[in-house]
């Protein structure tokens, strides 16, 4: 199932480019479509789109825009609706215990977990929820989300392209 879905997304990436990266990362970060994790699609998208410094920057920008806007959506949804929003998300396969784990991370590591949490598979999307619950300052949440998303996008693109003579090296 995931292979077919991932292939469909990659076909869309090859047709529509960075727009699909923005939409996909928005859907994942917003918790509207957490069924297909970034680890499946983003490396494939990087392999298709990143061929040099300009496309690298465009790719990272697409990841930052999609992730940051999606994260803000989740941050506001859960910040305003509180725990009642968790019940509404059960249908997409994110359980209350998943949210509880995110809350534990946030309590343990604080606001900085929004930034570095964007690098971790599970935490990348869910960390917006406890940040919203805690009433973290929106400007700080936005900044930390964008920086973490940039690190994730750049790291994935570099990892995928390093062995292919990316940026004239190798």
C-alpha atoms as a PDB file:
ATOM      1  CA  UNK A   1       0.000   0.000   0.000  1.00  0.00           C
ATOM      2  CA  UNK A   2       2.695   2.508   1.053  1.00  0.00           C
ATOM      3  CA  UNK A   3       4.808   1.645  -1.980  1.00  0.00           C
ATOM      4  CA  UNK A   4       1.939   2.534  -4.333  1.00  0.00           C
ATOM      5  CA  UNK A   5       1.167   5.711  -2.439  1.00  0.00           C
ATOM      6  CA  UNK A   6       4.837   6.710  -2.329  1.00  0.00           C
ATOM      7  CA  UNK A   7       5.188   6.060  -6.051  1.00  0.00           C
ATOM      8  CA  UNK A   8       2.113   8.177  -6.757  1.00  0.00           C
ATOM      9  CA  UNK A   9       3.570  11.058  -4.740  1.00  0.00           C
ATOM     10  CA  UNK A  10       6.930  10.734  -6.529  1.00  0.00           C
ATOM     11  CA  UNK A  11       5.156  10.710  -9.898  1.00  0.00           C
ATOM     12  CA  UNK A  12       3.465  13.940  -8.845  1.00  0.00           C
ATOM     13  CA  UNK A  13       6.854  15.357  -7.782  1.00  0.00           C
ATOM     14  CA  UNK A  14       8.309  14.621 -11.202  1.00  0.00           C
ATOM     15  CA  UNK A  15       5.341  16.386 -12.812  1.00  0.00           C
ATOM     16  CA  UNK A  16       4.712  19.328 -10.467  1.00  0.00           C
ATOM     17  CA  UNK A  17       8.045  19.656  -8.659  1.00  0.00           C
ATOM     18  CA  UNK A  18       8.476  21.737  -5.560  1.00  0.00           C
ATOM     19  CA  UNK A  19       4.756  22.432  -5.205  1.00  0.00           C
ATOM     20  CA  UNK A  20       4.206  18.765  -4.336  1.00  0.00           C
ATOM     21  CA  UNK A  21       6.976  18.953  -1.726  1.00  0.00           C
ATOM     22  CA  UNK A  22       5.243  21.955  -0.146  1.00  0.00           C
ATOM     23  CA  UNK A  23       1.831  20.243  -0.182  1.00  0.00           C
ATOM     24  CA  UNK A  24       3.143  16.909   1.086  1.00  0.00           C
ATOM     25  CA  UNK A  25       5.152  18.419   3.951  1.00  0.00           C
ATOM     26  CA  UNK A  26       2.155  20.611   4.846  1.00  0.00           C
ATOM     27  CA  UNK A  27      -0.155  17.571   4.984  1.00  0.00           C
ATOM     28  CA  UNK A  28       2.264  15.622   7.147  1.00  0.00           C
ATOM     29  CA  UNK A  29       3.115  18.470   9.558  1.00  0.00           C
ATOM     30  CA  UNK A  30      -0.514  19.586   9.880  1.00  0.00           C
ATOM     31  CA  UNK A  31      -1.513  16.081  10.974  1.00  0.00           C
ATOM     32  CA  UNK A  32      -4.079  16.033   8.150  1.00  0.00           C
ATOM     33  CA  UNK A  33      -2.280  13.163   6.400  1.00  0.00           C
ATOM     34  CA  UNK A  34       0.271  11.504   8.695  1.00  0.00           C
ATOM     35  CA  UNK A  35      -0.061   8.096   7.044  1.00  0.00           C
ATOM     36  CA  UNK A  36       2.906   8.496   4.696  1.00  0.00           C
ATOM     37  CA  UNK A  37       5.953   9.730   6.610  1.00  0.00           C
ATOM     38  CA  UNK A  38       8.519  12.102   5.163  1.00  0.00           C
ATOM     39  CA  UNK A  39      11.191   9.435   5.308  1.00  0.00           C
ATOM     40  CA  UNK A  40       9.420   7.717   2.417  1.00  0.00           C
ATOM     41  CA  UNK A  41       8.785  10.669   0.088  1.00  0.00           C
ATOM     42  CA  UNK A  42      11.289  13.447   0.855  1.00  0.00           C
ATOM     43  CA  UNK A  43      14.444  11.490  -0.092  1.00  0.00           C
ATOM     44  CA  UNK A  44      12.856  10.438  -3.386  1.00  0.00           C
ATOM     45  CA  UNK A  45      11.784  14.008  -4.054  1.00  0.00           C
ATOM     46  CA  UNK A  46      15.324  15.217  -3.309  1.00  0.00           C
ATOM     47  CA  UNK A  47      16.758  12.664  -5.734  1.00  0.00           C
ATOM     48  CA  UNK A  48      14.392  13.912  -8.434  1.00  0.00           C
ATOM     49  CA  UNK A  49      14.668  17.648  -7.835  1.00  0.00           C
ATOM     50  CA  UNK A  50      18.083  18.486  -6.370  1.00  0.00           C
ATOM     51  CA  UNK A  51      20.807  18.700  -9.008  1.00  0.00           C
ATOM     52  CA  UNK A  52      22.830  21.716  -7.860  1.00  0.00           C
ATOM     53  CA  UNK A  53      22.997  24.669  -5.470  1.00  0.00           C
ATOM     54  CA  UNK A  54      19.913  26.497  -6.790  1.00  0.00           C
ATOM     55  CA  UNK A  55      17.687  23.415  -6.788  1.00  0.00           C
ATOM     56  CA  UNK A  56      19.080  22.521  -3.359  1.00  0.00           C
ATOM     57  CA  UNK A  57      17.970  25.931  -2.021  1.00  0.00           C
ATOM     58  CA  UNK A  58      14.559  25.611  -3.701  1.00  0.00           C
ATOM     59  CA  UNK A  59      14.090  22.130  -2.256  1.00  0.00           C
ATOM     60  CA  UNK A  60      14.977  23.248   1.283  1.00  0.00           C
ATOM     61  CA  UNK A  61      12.682  26.276   0.898  1.00  0.00           C
ATOM     62  CA  UNK A  62       9.814  24.008  -0.188  1.00  0.00           C
ATOM     63  CA  UNK A  63      10.335  21.762   2.859  1.00  0.00           C
ATOM     64  CA  UNK A  64      10.497  24.809   5.157  1.00  0.00           C
ATOM     65  CA  UNK A  65       7.353  26.434   3.744  1.00  0.00           C
ATOM     66  CA  UNK A  66       5.250  23.254   3.808  1.00  0.00           C
ATOM     67  CA  UNK A  67       6.437  22.089   7.216  1.00  0.00           C
ATOM     68  CA  UNK A  68       6.161  25.495   8.867  1.00  0.00           C
ATOM     69  CA  UNK A  69       2.660  26.247   7.578  1.00  0.00           C
ATOM     70  CA  UNK A  70       1.501  22.707   8.406  1.00  0.00           C
ATOM     71  CA  UNK A  71       3.031  22.947  11.873  1.00  0.00           C
ATOM     72  CA  UNK A  72       1.291  26.252  12.502  1.00  0.00           C
ATOM     73  CA  UNK A  73      -2.001  24.660  11.469  1.00  0.00           C
ATOM     74  CA  UNK A  74      -1.529  21.854  14.027  1.00  0.00           C
ATOM     75  CA  UNK A  75      -0.223  24.290  16.671  1.00  0.00           C
ATOM     76  CA  UNK A  76      -3.323  26.481  16.360  1.00  0.00           C
ATOM     77  CA  UNK A  77      -5.793  23.609  16.024  1.00  0.00           C
ATOM     78  CA  UNK A  78      -4.589  21.897  19.171  1.00  0.00           C
ATOM     79  CA  UNK A  79      -3.850  25.135  20.997  1.00  0.00           C
ATOM     80  CA  UNK A  80      -7.394  26.384  20.457  1.00  0.00           C
ATOM     81  CA  UNK A  81      -9.373  23.145  20.626  1.00  0.00           C
ATOM     82  CA  UNK A  82      -7.229  21.423  23.212  1.00  0.00           C
ATOM     83  CA  UNK A  83      -7.609  17.757  23.923  1.00  0.00           C
ATOM     84  CA  UNK A  84     -10.917  17.514  22.081  1.00  0.00           C
ATOM     85  CA  UNK A  85      -8.923  17.868  18.837  1.00  0.00           C
ATOM     86  CA  UNK A  86      -7.065  14.644  19.654  1.00  0.00           C
ATOM     87  CA  UNK A  87     -10.296  12.645  19.512  1.00  0.00           C
ATOM     88  CA  UNK A  88     -10.964  14.029  16.033  1.00  0.00           C
ATOM     89  CA  UNK A  89      -7.583  12.768  14.758  1.00  0.00           C
ATOM     90  CA  UNK A  90      -8.001   9.129  15.767  1.00  0.00           C
ATOM     91  CA  UNK A  91      -9.377   8.318  12.310  1.00  0.00           C
ATOM     92  CA  UNK A  92      -6.021   9.058  10.653  1.00  0.00           C
ATOM     93  CA  UNK A  93      -4.120   6.593  12.810  1.00  0.00           C
ATOM     94  CA  UNK A  94      -2.609   8.908  15.400  1.00  0.00           C
ATOM     95  CA  UNK A  95      -3.566   7.722  18.841  1.00  0.00           C
ATOM     96  CA  UNK A  96      -3.890   9.574  22.095  1.00  0.00           C
ATOM     97  CA  UNK A  97      -0.822   7.667  23.344  1.00  0.00           C
ATOM     98  CA  UNK A  98       1.184   9.063  20.391  1.00  0.00           C
ATOM     99  CA  UNK A  99       0.209  12.561  21.469  1.00  0.00           C
ATOM    100  CA  UNK A 100       1.054  11.726  25.072  1.00  0.00           C
ATOM    101  CA  UNK A 101       4.573  10.680  24.012  1.00  0.00           C
ATOM    102  CA  UNK A 102       4.938  14.010  22.218  1.00  0.00           C
ATOM    103  CA  UNK A 103       3.819  15.823  25.344  1.00  0.00           C
ATOM    104  CA  UNK A 104       6.366  13.930  27.442  1.00  0.00           C
ATOM    105  CA  UNK A 105       9.142  14.963  25.030  1.00  0.00           C
ATOM    106  CA  UNK A 106       8.000  18.579  25.178  1.00  0.00           C
ATOM    107  CA  UNK A 107       7.832  18.602  28.986  1.00  0.00           C
ATOM    108  CA  UNK A 108      11.232  16.929  29.253  1.00  0.00           C
ATOM    109  CA  UNK A 109      13.135  18.915  26.615  1.00  0.00           C
ATOM    110  CA  UNK A 110      11.180  22.170  26.482  1.00  0.00           C
ATOM    111  CA  UNK A 111      10.557  24.530  23.600  1.00  0.00           C
ATOM    112  CA  UNK A 112      13.811  23.634  21.842  1.00  0.00           C
ATOM    113  CA  UNK A 113      12.284  20.215  21.100  1.00  0.00           C
ATOM    114  CA  UNK A 114      10.190  21.956  18.421  1.00  0.00           C
ATOM    115  CA  UNK A 115      13.406  22.706  16.509  1.00  0.00           C
ATOM    116  CA  UNK A 116      15.372  19.471  16.839  1.00  0.00           C
ATOM    117  CA  UNK A 117      12.181  17.407  16.962  1.00  0.00           C
ATOM    118  CA  UNK A 118      11.725  18.172  13.253  1.00  0.00           C
ATOM    119  CA  UNK A 119      14.671  15.838  12.643  1.00  0.00           C
ATOM    120  CA  UNK A 120      13.080  12.815  14.316  1.00  0.00           C
ATOM    121  CA  UNK A 121      10.609  10.592  12.460  1.00  0.00           C
ATOM    122  CA  UNK A 122       7.819  10.348  15.030  1.00  0.00           C
ATOM    123  CA  UNK A 123       8.280  13.684  16.730  1.00  0.00           C
ATOM    124  CA  UNK A 124       8.445  15.779  13.535  1.00  0.00           C
ATOM    125  CA  UNK A 125       4.660  16.162  13.260  1.00  0.00           C
ATOM    126  CA  UNK A 126       3.422  15.490  16.762  1.00  0.00           C
ATOM    127  CA  UNK A 127       5.601  18.070  18.552  1.00  0.00           C
ATOM    128  CA  UNK A 128       3.266  20.842  17.365  1.00  0.00           C
ATOM    129  CA  UNK A 129       0.520  19.471  19.602  1.00  0.00           C
ATOM    130  CA  UNK A 130       2.157  19.929  23.023  1.00  0.00           C
ATOM    131  CA  UNK A 131       3.591  23.267  21.867  1.00  0.00           C
ATOM    132  CA  UNK A 132       0.022  24.370  21.119  1.00  0.00           C
ATOM    133  CA  UNK A 133      -1.244  22.979  24.426  1.00  0.00           C
ATOM    134  CA  UNK A 134       1.524  24.783  26.312  1.00  0.00           C
ATOM    135  CA  UNK A 135       0.782  28.090  24.611  1.00  0.00           C
ATOM    136  CA  UNK A 136       4.347  28.448  23.301  1.00  0.00           C
ATOM    137  CA  UNK A 137       4.878  31.897  21.773  1.00  0.00           C
ATOM    138  CA  UNK A 138       3.830  31.732  18.111  1.00  0.00           C
ATOM    139  CA  UNK A 139       6.883  33.633  16.841  1.00  0.00           C
ATOM    140  CA  UNK A 140       9.230  31.257  18.658  1.00  0.00           C
ATOM    141  CA  UNK A 141       7.274  28.196  17.509  1.00  0.00           C
ATOM    142  CA  UNK A 142       7.407  29.457  13.924  1.00  0.00           C
ATOM    143  CA  UNK A 143      11.144  30.181  14.098  1.00  0.00           C
ATOM    144  CA  UNK A 144      12.002  26.836  15.708  1.00  0.00           C
ATOM    145  CA  UNK A 145       9.800  24.961  13.228  1.00  0.00           C
ATOM    146  CA  UNK A 146      11.400  26.704  10.247  1.00  0.00           C
ATOM    147  CA  UNK A 147      14.961  26.134  11.477  1.00  0.00           C
ATOM    148  CA  UNK A 148      14.255  22.465  12.224  1.00  0.00           C
ATOM    149  CA  UNK A 149      12.548  21.989   8.863  1.00  0.00           C
ATOM    150  CA  UNK A 150      15.510  23.622   7.085  1.00  0.00           C
ATOM    151  CA  UNK A 151      17.922  21.276   8.851  1.00  0.00           C
ATOM    152  CA  UNK A 152      15.752  18.291   7.914  1.00  0.00           C
ATOM    153  CA  UNK A 153      15.396  19.323   4.259  1.00  0.00           C
ATOM    154  CA  UNK A 154      19.086  20.165   3.879  1.00  0.00           C
ATOM    155  CA  UNK A 155      20.167  16.991   5.650  1.00  0.00           C
ATOM    156  CA  UNK A 156      17.995  14.772   3.481  1.00  0.00           C
ATOM    157  CA  UNK A 157      19.035  16.518   0.262  1.00  0.00           C
ATOM    158  CA  UNK A 158      22.718  16.299   1.166  1.00  0.00           C
ATOM    159  CA  UNK A 159      22.453  12.673   2.200  1.00  0.00           C
ATOM    160  CA  UNK A 160      20.690  11.742  -1.035  1.00  0.00           C
ATOM    161  CA  UNK A 161      22.916  13.754  -3.364  1.00  0.00           C
ATOM    162  CA  UNK A 162      26.358  13.413  -1.720  1.00  0.00           C
ATOM    163  CA  UNK A 163      27.397  10.354  -3.663  1.00  0.00           C
ATOM    164  CA  UNK A 164      26.232  11.842  -6.974  1.00  0.00           C
ATOM    165  CA  UNK A 165      28.759  14.648  -7.372  1.00  0.00           C
ATOM    166  CA  UNK A 166      26.417  17.213  -5.845  1.00  0.00           C
ATOM    167  CA  UNK A 167      27.640  20.820  -5.848  1.00  0.00           C
ATOM    168  CA  UNK A 168      30.669  19.835  -7.877  1.00  0.00           C
ATOM    169  CA  UNK A 169      32.235  17.684  -5.182  1.00  0.00           C
ATOM    170  CA  UNK A 170      32.966  13.969  -5.493  1.00  0.00           C
END
